[in-house]
Amino acid sequence: MERTSTFAQRLKEYMDARNNMTYDELSKLTGVPSQTLNRYVLEQRIPKVDAAIDIAEKLNLNPLWLQGYDVPRQAQQSIEEKTDDISEEINNVLNKLMQQPEGLMFCGKPLDDETNRLLKLSLEHAMKLAIEMDKNKQSE
């Protein structure tokens, strides 16, 4: 799977395809401040993974498409269903790791709740990408 665009280009493409949607209109759909969206499009700011996924889901877009990958634009139900299964598995693995006497550690220090949450989101994003790559590989 090849990355052909940036998040900024894809967000602008989405807005253009919606009759030059304004940042205020996009903000109402996504819950992201219009000034932040403007910075994304101008490439002055890059959204965190969880923010990008949240935006994609609210716009019914494939998160990988919004990240610039050459995949279908619209979100697909089958990927979401598989992601739910993966999400449950990731939660199980993280819960098992957290039940260790020392908790989940990195470089000898315990991870805080926010880092644990970001780790989970990153794993989910990686699994979505793997599913999409597998799907594209099978269709070739």
N, C-alpha and C. Protein backbone atom coordinates (compact mmCIF):
# COMPACT_ATOMS: atom_id res chain seq x y z
N MET A 1 0.85 -1.16 0.00
CA MET A 1 0.00 0.00 0.00
C MET A 1 0.90 1.23 0.00
N GLU A 2 0.59 2.14 -0.84
CA GLU A 2 1.43 3.30 -1.04
C GLU A 2 0.75 4.57 -0.52
N ARG A 3 1.54 5.42 0.08
CA ARG A 3 1.04 6.72 0.52
C ARG A 3 1.23 7.70 -0.62
N THR A 4 0.13 8.29 -1.07
CA THR A 4 0.18 9.17 -2.25
C THR A 4 -0.11 10.63 -1.93
N SER A 5 -0.60 10.91 -0.74
CA SER A 5 -0.96 12.27 -0.34
C SER A 5 -0.66 12.46 1.14
N THR A 6 -0.88 13.69 1.58
CA THR A 6 -0.74 13.98 3.00
C THR A 6 -2.13 14.13 3.62
N PHE A 7 -2.18 14.13 4.94
CA PHE A 7 -3.43 14.37 5.65
C PHE A 7 -4.01 15.71 5.20
N ALA A 8 -3.17 16.72 5.10
CA ALA A 8 -3.62 18.06 4.71
C ALA A 8 -4.26 18.04 3.32
N GLN A 9 -3.62 17.38 2.37
CA GLN A 9 -4.17 17.32 1.01
C GLN A 9 -5.50 16.59 0.98
N ARG A 10 -5.61 15.50 1.73
CA ARG A 10 -6.85 14.73 1.73
C ARG A 10 -7.98 15.50 2.43
N LEU A 11 -7.67 16.20 3.50
CA LEU A 11 -8.70 16.97 4.19
C LEU A 11 -9.20 18.09 3.27
N LYS A 12 -8.28 18.73 2.57
CA LYS A 12 -8.65 19.78 1.62
C LYS A 12 -9.48 19.19 0.48
N GLU A 13 -9.09 18.03 0.00
CA GLU A 13 -9.84 17.34 -1.07
C GLU A 13 -11.27 17.05 -0.62
N TYR A 14 -11.42 16.60 0.62
CA TYR A 14 -12.75 16.34 1.16
C TYR A 14 -13.57 17.62 1.19
N MET A 15 -12.97 18.70 1.66
CA MET A 15 -13.68 19.98 1.75
C MET A 15 -14.07 20.49 0.37
N ASP A 16 -13.16 20.38 -0.59
CA ASP A 16 -13.44 20.83 -1.97
C ASP A 16 -14.57 20.03 -2.59
N ALA A 17 -14.60 18.73 -2.33
CA ALA A 17 -15.63 17.86 -2.88
C ALA A 17 -17.01 18.15 -2.29
N ARG A 18 -17.04 18.86 -1.19
CA ARG A 18 -18.29 19.24 -0.52
C ARG A 18 -18.61 20.71 -0.81
N ASN A 19 -18.47 21.10 -2.08
CA ASN A 19 -18.76 22.47 -2.52
C ASN A 19 -17.99 23.51 -1.71
N ASN A 20 -16.69 23.28 -1.61
CA ASN A 20 -15.81 24.19 -0.89
C ASN A 20 -16.28 24.43 0.54
N MET A 21 -16.49 23.34 1.25
CA MET A 21 -16.91 23.39 2.65
C MET A 21 -16.00 24.33 3.43
N THR A 22 -16.57 25.12 4.31
CA THR A 22 -15.79 26.03 5.13
C THR A 22 -15.23 25.30 6.35
N TYR A 23 -14.25 25.93 6.98
CA TYR A 23 -13.69 25.35 8.20
C TYR A 23 -14.75 25.30 9.31
N ASP A 24 -15.62 26.30 9.35
CA ASP A 24 -16.69 26.31 10.36
C ASP A 24 -17.64 25.13 10.15
N GLU A 25 -17.99 24.85 8.90
CA GLU A 25 -18.87 23.72 8.61
C GLU A 25 -18.19 22.40 8.99
N LEU A 26 -16.93 22.28 8.64
CA LEU A 26 -16.18 21.07 8.97
C LEU A 26 -16.04 20.92 10.49
N SER A 27 -15.86 22.04 11.16
CA SER A 27 -15.75 22.03 12.61
C SER A 27 -17.02 21.49 13.26
N LYS A 28 -18.17 21.87 12.72
CA LYS A 28 -19.45 21.38 13.27
C LYS A 28 -19.58 19.87 13.10
N LEU A 29 -19.05 19.33 12.01
CA LEU A 29 -19.13 17.89 11.77
C LEU A 29 -18.16 17.10 12.63
N THR A 30 -16.99 17.67 12.87
CA THR A 30 -15.93 16.92 13.53
C THR A 30 -15.74 17.25 15.01
N GLY A 31 -16.20 18.43 15.41
CA GLY A 31 -15.97 18.86 16.79
C GLY A 31 -14.57 19.41 17.01
N VAL A 32 -13.81 19.58 15.92
CA VAL A 32 -12.46 20.13 15.99
C VAL A 32 -12.56 21.63 15.68
N PRO A 33 -11.91 22.49 16.48
CA PRO A 33 -11.99 23.92 16.22
C PRO A 33 -11.56 24.27 14.79
N SER A 34 -12.26 25.23 14.18
CA SER A 34 -11.97 25.60 12.79
C SER A 34 -10.54 26.09 12.61
N GLN A 35 -10.00 26.76 13.60
CA GLN A 35 -8.62 27.24 13.52
C GLN A 35 -7.63 26.06 13.46
N THR A 36 -7.92 25.02 14.21
CA THR A 36 -7.08 23.82 14.18
C THR A 36 -7.16 23.14 12.82
N LEU A 37 -8.36 23.04 12.27
CA LEU A 37 -8.54 22.44 10.95
C LEU A 37 -7.77 23.24 9.89
N ASN A 38 -7.83 24.56 10.00
CA ASN A 38 -7.09 25.43 9.08
C ASN A 38 -5.60 25.12 9.16
N ARG A 39 -5.08 24.95 10.36
CA ARG A 39 -3.66 24.64 10.53
C ARG A 39 -3.30 23.27 9.95
N TYR A 40 -4.25 22.32 10.05
CA TYR A 40 -4.01 21.01 9.44
C TYR A 40 -3.87 21.15 7.93
N VAL A 41 -4.80 21.88 7.31
CA VAL A 41 -4.79 22.02 5.85
C VAL A 41 -3.55 22.79 5.38
N LEU A 42 -3.13 23.78 6.14
CA LEU A 42 -1.94 24.56 5.78
C LEU A 42 -0.63 23.85 6.16
N GLU A 43 -0.76 22.64 6.72
CA GLU A 43 0.37 21.82 7.17
C GLU A 43 1.22 22.53 8.22
N GLN A 44 0.57 23.38 9.00
CA GLN A 44 1.24 24.02 10.13
C GLN A 44 1.16 23.15 11.37
N ARG A 45 0.29 22.16 11.30
CA ARG A 45 0.08 21.25 12.42
C ARG A 45 -0.33 19.90 11.87
N ILE A 46 0.11 18.83 12.52
CA ILE A 46 -0.25 17.48 12.12
C ILE A 46 -1.06 16.87 13.26
N PRO A 47 -2.24 16.30 12.95
CA PRO A 47 -3.04 15.73 14.04
C PRO A 47 -2.40 14.48 14.62
N LYS A 48 -2.64 14.25 15.91
CA LYS A 48 -2.21 13.01 16.53
C LYS A 48 -3.04 11.88 15.92
N VAL A 49 -2.55 10.67 16.04
CA VAL A 49 -3.20 9.51 15.43
C VAL A 49 -4.66 9.39 15.87
N ASP A 50 -4.90 9.50 17.18
CA ASP A 50 -6.27 9.35 17.66
C ASP A 50 -7.18 10.46 17.15
N ALA A 51 -6.66 11.68 17.00
CA ALA A 51 -7.46 12.79 16.48
C ALA A 51 -7.78 12.56 15.01
N ALA A 52 -6.81 12.08 14.24
CA ALA A 52 -7.03 11.81 12.81
C ALA A 52 -8.07 10.70 12.63
N ILE A 53 -7.99 9.67 13.44
CA ILE A 53 -8.96 8.57 13.35
C ILE A 53 -10.35 9.08 13.72
N ASP A 54 -10.44 9.90 14.75
CA ASP A 54 -11.72 10.46 15.18
C ASP A 54 -12.34 11.31 14.08
N ILE A 55 -11.53 12.14 13.43
CA ILE A 55 -12.03 12.97 12.32
C ILE A 55 -12.54 12.08 11.20
N ALA A 56 -11.75 11.08 10.83
CA ALA A 56 -12.15 10.17 9.74
C ALA A 56 -13.48 9.49 10.07
N GLU A 57 -13.62 9.00 11.28
CA GLU A 57 -14.85 8.30 11.67
C GLU A 57 -16.05 9.24 11.62
N LYS A 58 -15.89 10.47 12.07
CA LYS A 58 -17.00 11.43 12.07
C LYS A 58 -17.40 11.82 10.65
N LEU A 59 -16.47 11.74 9.71
CA LEU A 59 -16.76 12.08 8.32
C LEU A 59 -17.07 10.83 7.49
N ASN A 60 -17.12 9.67 8.13
CA ASN A 60 -17.35 8.39 7.46
C ASN A 60 -16.31 8.13 6.37
N LEU A 61 -15.06 8.47 6.70
CA LEU A 61 -13.95 8.24 5.78
C LEU A 61 -13.07 7.13 6.31
N ASN A 62 -12.42 6.44 5.40
CA ASN A 62 -11.43 5.45 5.77
C ASN A 62 -10.25 6.20 6.40
N PRO A 63 -9.89 5.90 7.66
CA PRO A 63 -8.78 6.61 8.30
C PRO A 63 -7.48 6.54 7.51
N LEU A 64 -7.26 5.43 6.83
CA LEU A 64 -6.03 5.30 6.03
C LEU A 64 -6.08 6.21 4.81
N TRP A 65 -7.26 6.36 4.21
CA TRP A 65 -7.39 7.29 3.07
C TRP A 65 -7.07 8.70 3.54
N LEU A 66 -7.64 9.09 4.68
CA LEU A 66 -7.41 10.44 5.18
C LEU A 66 -5.94 10.67 5.51
N GLN A 67 -5.22 9.60 5.85
CA GLN A 67 -3.78 9.72 6.12
C GLN A 67 -2.95 9.76 4.83
N GLY A 68 -3.62 9.60 3.67
CA GLY A 68 -2.93 9.74 2.40
C GLY A 68 -2.63 8.45 1.67
N TYR A 69 -3.11 7.31 2.18
CA TYR A 69 -2.82 6.03 1.54
C TYR A 69 -3.77 5.78 0.38
N ASP A 70 -3.31 4.98 -0.56
CA ASP A 70 -4.07 4.63 -1.75
C ASP A 70 -5.03 3.49 -1.43
N VAL A 71 -6.12 3.84 -0.75
CA VAL A 71 -7.16 2.90 -0.35
C VAL A 71 -8.51 3.56 -0.65
N PRO A 72 -9.60 2.79 -0.58
CA PRO A 72 -10.92 3.39 -0.81
C PRO A 72 -11.18 4.55 0.17
N ARG A 73 -11.87 5.56 -0.32
CA ARG A 73 -12.13 6.78 0.46
C ARG A 73 -13.09 6.56 1.63
N GLN A 74 -14.16 5.84 1.36
CA GLN A 74 -15.19 5.66 2.38
C GLN A 74 -14.81 4.56 3.36
N ALA A 75 -15.24 4.72 4.59
CA ALA A 75 -15.04 3.69 5.60
C ALA A 75 -15.83 2.46 5.20
N GLN A 76 -15.30 1.29 5.51
CA GLN A 76 -15.96 0.05 5.16
C GLN A 76 -16.32 -0.70 6.43
N GLN A 77 -17.52 -1.22 6.46
CA GLN A 77 -18.03 -1.91 7.64
C GLN A 77 -17.17 -3.11 8.02
N SER A 78 -16.70 -3.86 7.02
CA SER A 78 -15.95 -5.07 7.35
C SER A 78 -14.67 -4.74 8.10
N ILE A 79 -14.03 -3.64 7.78
CA ILE A 79 -12.82 -3.24 8.49
C ILE A 79 -13.18 -2.89 9.93
N GLU A 80 -14.29 -2.18 10.11
CA GLU A 80 -14.71 -1.80 11.46
C GLU A 80 -15.02 -3.03 12.30
N GLU A 81 -15.70 -4.02 11.70
CA GLU A 81 -16.02 -5.22 12.44
C GLU A 81 -14.74 -5.94 12.87
N LYS A 82 -13.78 -6.05 11.96
CA LYS A 82 -12.52 -6.70 12.29
C LYS A 82 -11.78 -5.89 13.35
N THR A 83 -11.84 -4.56 13.25
CA THR A 83 -11.15 -3.70 14.21
C THR A 83 -11.74 -3.89 15.60
N ASP A 84 -13.07 -4.06 15.68
CA ASP A 84 -13.67 -4.30 16.99
C ASP A 84 -13.09 -5.56 17.61
N ASP A 85 -12.96 -6.62 16.81
CA ASP A 85 -12.36 -7.86 17.32
C ASP A 85 -10.92 -7.62 17.76
N ILE A 86 -10.18 -6.89 16.95
CA ILE A 86 -8.79 -6.59 17.26
C ILE A 86 -8.71 -5.73 18.50
N SER A 87 -9.60 -4.76 18.61
CA SER A 87 -9.61 -3.88 19.78
C SER A 87 -9.78 -4.69 21.06
N GLU A 88 -10.67 -5.66 21.02
CA GLU A 88 -10.89 -6.52 22.18
C GLU A 88 -9.62 -7.31 22.51
N GLU A 89 -8.97 -7.83 21.48
CA GLU A 89 -7.73 -8.58 21.70
C GLU A 89 -6.64 -7.68 22.28
N ILE A 90 -6.52 -6.46 21.74
CA ILE A 90 -5.52 -5.51 22.24
C ILE A 90 -5.80 -5.19 23.70
N ASN A 91 -7.08 -4.97 24.04
CA ASN A 91 -7.44 -4.72 25.43
C ASN A 91 -7.04 -5.88 26.32
N ASN A 92 -7.28 -7.10 25.86
CA ASN A 92 -6.91 -8.29 26.65
C ASN A 92 -5.41 -8.35 26.89
N VAL A 93 -4.63 -8.09 25.84
CA VAL A 93 -3.17 -8.12 25.98
C VAL A 93 -2.71 -7.04 26.95
N LEU A 94 -3.23 -5.82 26.78
CA LEU A 94 -2.82 -4.73 27.67
C LEU A 94 -3.24 -5.01 29.12
N ASN A 95 -4.43 -5.57 29.30
CA ASN A 95 -4.88 -5.91 30.66
C ASN A 95 -3.96 -6.95 31.30
N LYS A 96 -3.54 -7.95 30.52
CA LYS A 96 -2.62 -8.96 31.05
C LYS A 96 -1.29 -8.32 31.44
N LEU A 97 -0.81 -7.42 30.58
CA LEU A 97 0.45 -6.74 30.88
C LEU A 97 0.33 -5.88 32.14
N MET A 98 -0.82 -5.22 32.28
CA MET A 98 -1.03 -4.34 33.44
C MET A 98 -1.16 -5.14 34.74
N GLN A 99 -1.53 -6.41 34.65
CA GLN A 99 -1.70 -7.23 35.85
C GLN A 99 -0.37 -7.76 36.38
N GLN A 100 0.71 -7.52 35.63
CA GLN A 100 2.02 -7.92 36.14
C GLN A 100 2.32 -7.09 37.39
N PRO A 101 3.08 -7.63 38.31
CA PRO A 101 3.33 -6.92 39.57
C PRO A 101 3.85 -5.49 39.38
N GLU A 102 4.70 -5.30 38.38
CA GLU A 102 5.27 -3.96 38.17
C GLU A 102 4.45 -3.11 37.20
N GLY A 103 3.37 -3.65 36.62
CA GLY A 103 2.56 -2.91 35.66
C GLY A 103 3.25 -2.83 34.31
N LEU A 104 2.69 -2.08 33.40
CA LEU A 104 3.28 -1.91 32.08
C LEU A 104 4.43 -0.90 32.19
N MET A 105 5.62 -1.33 31.80
CA MET A 105 6.82 -0.52 32.00
C MET A 105 7.49 -0.21 30.67
N PHE A 106 8.22 0.90 30.66
CA PHE A 106 9.07 1.25 29.54
C PHE A 106 10.34 1.87 30.11
N CYS A 107 11.49 1.32 29.74
CA CYS A 107 12.78 1.77 30.27
C CYS A 107 12.80 1.78 31.80
N GLY A 108 12.16 0.77 32.38
CA GLY A 108 12.18 0.64 33.83
C GLY A 108 11.21 1.52 34.58
N LYS A 109 10.37 2.28 33.86
CA LYS A 109 9.41 3.16 34.53
C LYS A 109 7.99 2.78 34.12
N PRO A 110 7.04 2.85 35.06
CA PRO A 110 5.65 2.52 34.70
C PRO A 110 5.06 3.56 33.76
N LEU A 111 4.20 3.10 32.85
CA LEU A 111 3.53 4.01 31.92
C LEU A 111 2.30 4.61 32.59
N ASP A 112 2.06 5.89 32.32
CA ASP A 112 0.86 6.54 32.88
C ASP A 112 -0.36 6.18 32.03
N ASP A 113 -1.54 6.56 32.51
CA ASP A 113 -2.80 6.21 31.83
C ASP A 113 -2.85 6.76 30.41
N GLU A 114 -2.40 7.99 30.20
CA GLU A 114 -2.44 8.60 28.87
C GLU A 114 -1.53 7.85 27.90
N THR A 115 -0.36 7.47 28.35
CA THR A 115 0.56 6.71 27.51
C THR A 115 -0.03 5.34 27.19
N ASN A 116 -0.67 4.71 28.16
CA ASN A 116 -1.34 3.42 27.90
C ASN A 116 -2.43 3.59 26.84
N ARG A 117 -3.21 4.67 26.93
CA ARG A 117 -4.29 4.94 25.97
C ARG A 117 -3.71 5.15 24.57
N LEU A 118 -2.62 5.93 24.49
CA LEU A 118 -2.00 6.19 23.19
C LEU A 118 -1.38 4.92 22.61
N LEU A 119 -0.82 4.08 23.46
CA LEU A 119 -0.27 2.80 23.02
C LEU A 119 -1.38 1.95 22.39
N LYS A 120 -2.52 1.90 23.06
CA LYS A 120 -3.66 1.13 22.55
C LYS A 120 -4.11 1.68 21.20
N LEU A 121 -4.25 3.01 21.09
CA LEU A 121 -4.67 3.61 19.83
C LEU A 121 -3.66 3.33 18.71
N SER A 122 -2.39 3.39 19.04
CA SER A 122 -1.36 3.12 18.04
C SER A 122 -1.42 1.67 17.56
N LEU A 123 -1.64 0.74 18.49
CA LEU A 123 -1.78 -0.67 18.12
C LEU A 123 -3.00 -0.88 17.24
N GLU A 124 -4.11 -0.24 17.59
CA GLU A 124 -5.32 -0.36 16.77
C GLU A 124 -5.09 0.19 15.37
N HIS A 125 -4.42 1.34 15.29
CA HIS A 125 -4.13 1.95 13.99
C HIS A 125 -3.23 1.02 13.16
N ALA A 126 -2.24 0.44 13.80
CA ALA A 126 -1.34 -0.47 13.09
C ALA A 126 -2.11 -1.69 12.58
N MET A 127 -3.04 -2.19 13.38
CA MET A 127 -3.83 -3.34 12.96
C MET A 127 -4.77 -2.98 11.81
N LYS A 128 -5.36 -1.78 11.84
CA LYS A 128 -6.20 -1.34 10.72
C LYS A 128 -5.39 -1.30 9.44
N LEU A 129 -4.19 -0.77 9.54
CA LEU A 129 -3.31 -0.70 8.38
C LEU A 129 -2.97 -2.10 7.88
N ALA A 130 -2.68 -3.02 8.79
CA ALA A 130 -2.36 -4.40 8.39
C ALA A 130 -3.55 -5.07 7.72
N ILE A 131 -4.75 -4.84 8.24
CA ILE A 131 -5.96 -5.42 7.63
C ILE A 131 -6.15 -4.87 6.22
N GLU A 132 -6.00 -3.58 6.07
CA GLU A 132 -6.18 -2.93 4.76
C GLU A 132 -5.14 -3.43 3.76
N MET A 133 -3.89 -3.57 4.23
CA MET A 133 -2.83 -4.06 3.35
C MET A 133 -3.12 -5.50 2.93
N ASP A 134 -3.58 -6.33 3.86
CA ASP A 134 -3.92 -7.71 3.56
C ASP A 134 -5.07 -7.77 2.56
N LYS A 135 -6.05 -6.94 2.76
CA LYS A 135 -7.21 -6.90 1.87
C LYS A 135 -6.78 -6.52 0.45
N ASN A 136 -5.93 -5.51 0.34
CA ASN A 136 -5.43 -5.08 -0.98
C ASN A 136 -4.58 -6.16 -1.63
N LYS A 137 -3.79 -6.86 -0.83
CA LYS A 137 -2.92 -7.93 -1.33
C LYS A 137 -3.76 -9.08 -1.89
N GLN A 138 -4.86 -9.40 -1.18
CA GLN A 138 -5.72 -10.50 -1.62
C GLN A 138 -6.49 -10.17 -2.89
N SER A 139 -6.76 -8.88 -3.12
CA SER A 139 -7.53 -8.49 -4.30
C SER A 139 -6.67 -8.36 -5.55
N GLU A 140 -5.34 -8.45 -5.39
CA GLU A 140 -4.44 -8.33 -6.56
C GLU A 140 -4.39 -9.61 -7.36
